[in-house]
Amino acid sequence: MVIKRIAERGENIQVWIEPVVFNDLLKWLNALDEKYALRVTQIDVSAAEKPGMVNVLRLEFGRG
């Protein structure tokens, strides 16, 4: 997972990442939830040009 930028948005955190394999994204999000109780509050993804890859247009986490 290549993180390009992280910013606070109120009580939440916005994260910008490079295009990623969809299944790897799901594993990473699950690990963040299990280890740090970071839950996705908003996500917007689209298919990338390469099969199996996605562009994460918006990703926001909250605690809990």
Protein backbone atom coordinates (compact mmCIF):
# COMPACT_ATOMS: atom_id res chain seq x y z
CA MET A 1 0.00 0.00 0.00
CA VAL A 2 1.55 3.29 -1.08
CA ILE A 3 0.13 6.18 0.92
CA LYS A 4 0.44 9.52 -0.88
CA ARG A 5 -1.04 11.77 1.77
CA ILE A 6 -2.82 11.77 5.14
CA ALA A 7 -4.92 14.63 6.51
CA GLU A 8 -7.24 15.19 9.45
CA ARG A 9 -10.87 16.00 8.72
CA GLY A 10 -12.60 16.80 11.98
CA GLU A 11 -12.44 13.63 14.07
CA ASN A 12 -11.69 11.51 11.00
CA ILE A 13 -8.63 10.89 8.85
CA GLN A 14 -8.53 11.12 5.06
CA VAL A 15 -5.99 8.97 3.22
CA TRP A 16 -4.87 9.16 -0.41
CA ILE A 17 -3.25 6.03 -1.85
CA GLU A 18 -1.82 4.87 -5.15
CA PRO A 19 -3.86 2.47 -7.31
CA VAL A 20 -3.97 -0.93 -5.62
CA VAL A 21 -5.06 -4.52 -6.18
CA PHE A 22 -8.66 -4.71 -4.94
CA ASN A 23 -8.11 -7.79 -2.76
CA ASP A 24 -5.03 -6.18 -1.17
CA LEU A 25 -7.13 -3.11 -0.35
CA LEU A 26 -9.73 -5.26 1.41
CA LYS A 27 -7.05 -7.07 3.44
CA TRP A 28 -5.43 -3.77 4.44
CA LEU A 29 -8.75 -2.22 5.51
CA ASN A 30 -9.58 -5.32 7.55
CA ALA A 31 -6.16 -5.24 9.25
CA LEU A 32 -6.58 -1.55 10.17
CA ASP A 33 -9.96 -2.36 11.71
CA GLU A 34 -8.70 -5.36 13.68
CA LYS A 35 -5.41 -3.83 14.91
CA TYR A 36 -6.30 -0.16 15.38
CA ALA A 37 -10.13 0.01 15.39
CA LEU A 38 -9.99 2.26 12.32
CA ARG A 39 -13.21 1.90 10.39
CA VAL A 40 -13.98 3.20 6.95
CA THR A 41 -16.54 6.00 7.12
CA GLN A 42 -16.39 6.91 3.42
CA ILE A 43 -14.86 5.21 0.42
CA ASP A 44 -15.12 5.82 -3.30
CA VAL A 45 -13.34 3.47 -5.70
CA SER A 46 -13.29 3.00 -9.44
CA ALA A 47 -11.80 0.37 -11.70
CA ALA A 48 -8.26 1.09 -12.83
CA GLU A 49 -7.01 0.37 -16.34
CA LYS A 50 -5.23 -2.80 -15.23
CA PRO A 51 -7.58 -5.72 -14.38
CA GLY A 52 -7.96 -6.34 -10.65
CA MET A 53 -6.70 -2.86 -9.76
CA VAL A 54 -8.76 -0.01 -8.33
CA ASN A 55 -8.31 3.73 -7.95
CA VAL A 56 -9.28 4.92 -4.48
CA LEU A 57 -10.82 8.33 -5.07
CA ARG A 58 -11.85 8.93 -1.45
CA LEU A 59 -10.96 7.07 1.72
CA GLU A 60 -11.87 8.30 5.17
CA PHE A 61 -11.45 6.56 8.52
CA GLY A 62 -12.97 7.05 11.93
CA ARG A 63 -12.42 5.35 15.28
CA GLY A 64 -14.81 2.85 16.68
